[in-house]
Amino acid sequence: MKQQIVLRHIVGYLAGFSIFVAGIPFGLYLISMSLDRYLPINLIALVGLRISLSLLIGGVGIIFILWSNLWLFFVGKRGPADWFGTQISPRSQHLVISGPYRYTRNPMMFGALSFYFGLAVFFNSAICLGLVAALSVGASIYLKTVEEKRLLKDFGDAYQQYRKSVSMLVPLPPREK
C-alpha cells in the first residue's frame, strides 16, 4: 500500500511537471512565435528591463509553485494532483491553511500563471500575453466551478470560513474574520 501511494505521488508530480512546467510553456512559445508576425507589438523595447521583469515575475511564480507543492506534501501529507475530481496523487485529508495557503487559496495556480506571465514578457509577445490572460480566466472558472465545490464537500464549514478570509488567487494578507 505504501509503495502504491509513493508511486501515485511520483506519477502526480511527473504529470504536473510535464503539463504545467514543460507542456504549457512550450505551447505558449510555439503559438506566440507562430502568430507574433500577425500582431508585431513590441511590449518592452529595452531588453535589460524586459529580462529583469520576466525574471522577477517568473521567479515569484516558481517560488510559489515550489513552496506550495512542498507545503502541501509535508504539511498536508499528500499531493496536489487532482484533475476534474480525479485523484492522481492522494488528496490531503485535512485543510491546509498555513504557509503560502495563508495568502491565497491557490498558490500553485498563482505561481503557474505568474511563471507564464513572466514567459510572455520574456518572449515580448502580445499574443502570448493574451493567451496567458485567457488561461487566467479559464483557471479562475475552473477553480470556482470544480475545485471549490470539491473542497466544500471535503472540508465543509472549515473551507467556507477559509474562503471568506483568504484571496482566491492573488496573494494578499488574510482578511479579518
Foldseek 3Di string as FASTA:
>chain_A
DVVVLVVLQVQLVVVCCCVLVPNVLVVLVVVQVVCCVVVVDQQDPDLVVLLVQLCVLLVQLVVLQVFVQVCCCVVLVWGDRADQNRRSHDHRLDDDCDDQNVFAVCSNVLSSLSNQCSSCSNVSGPSSVVVSVVVVVVVVVCCVPRVLVVCCVRPNPVVVVSPQFYHHHDGDHTHDD
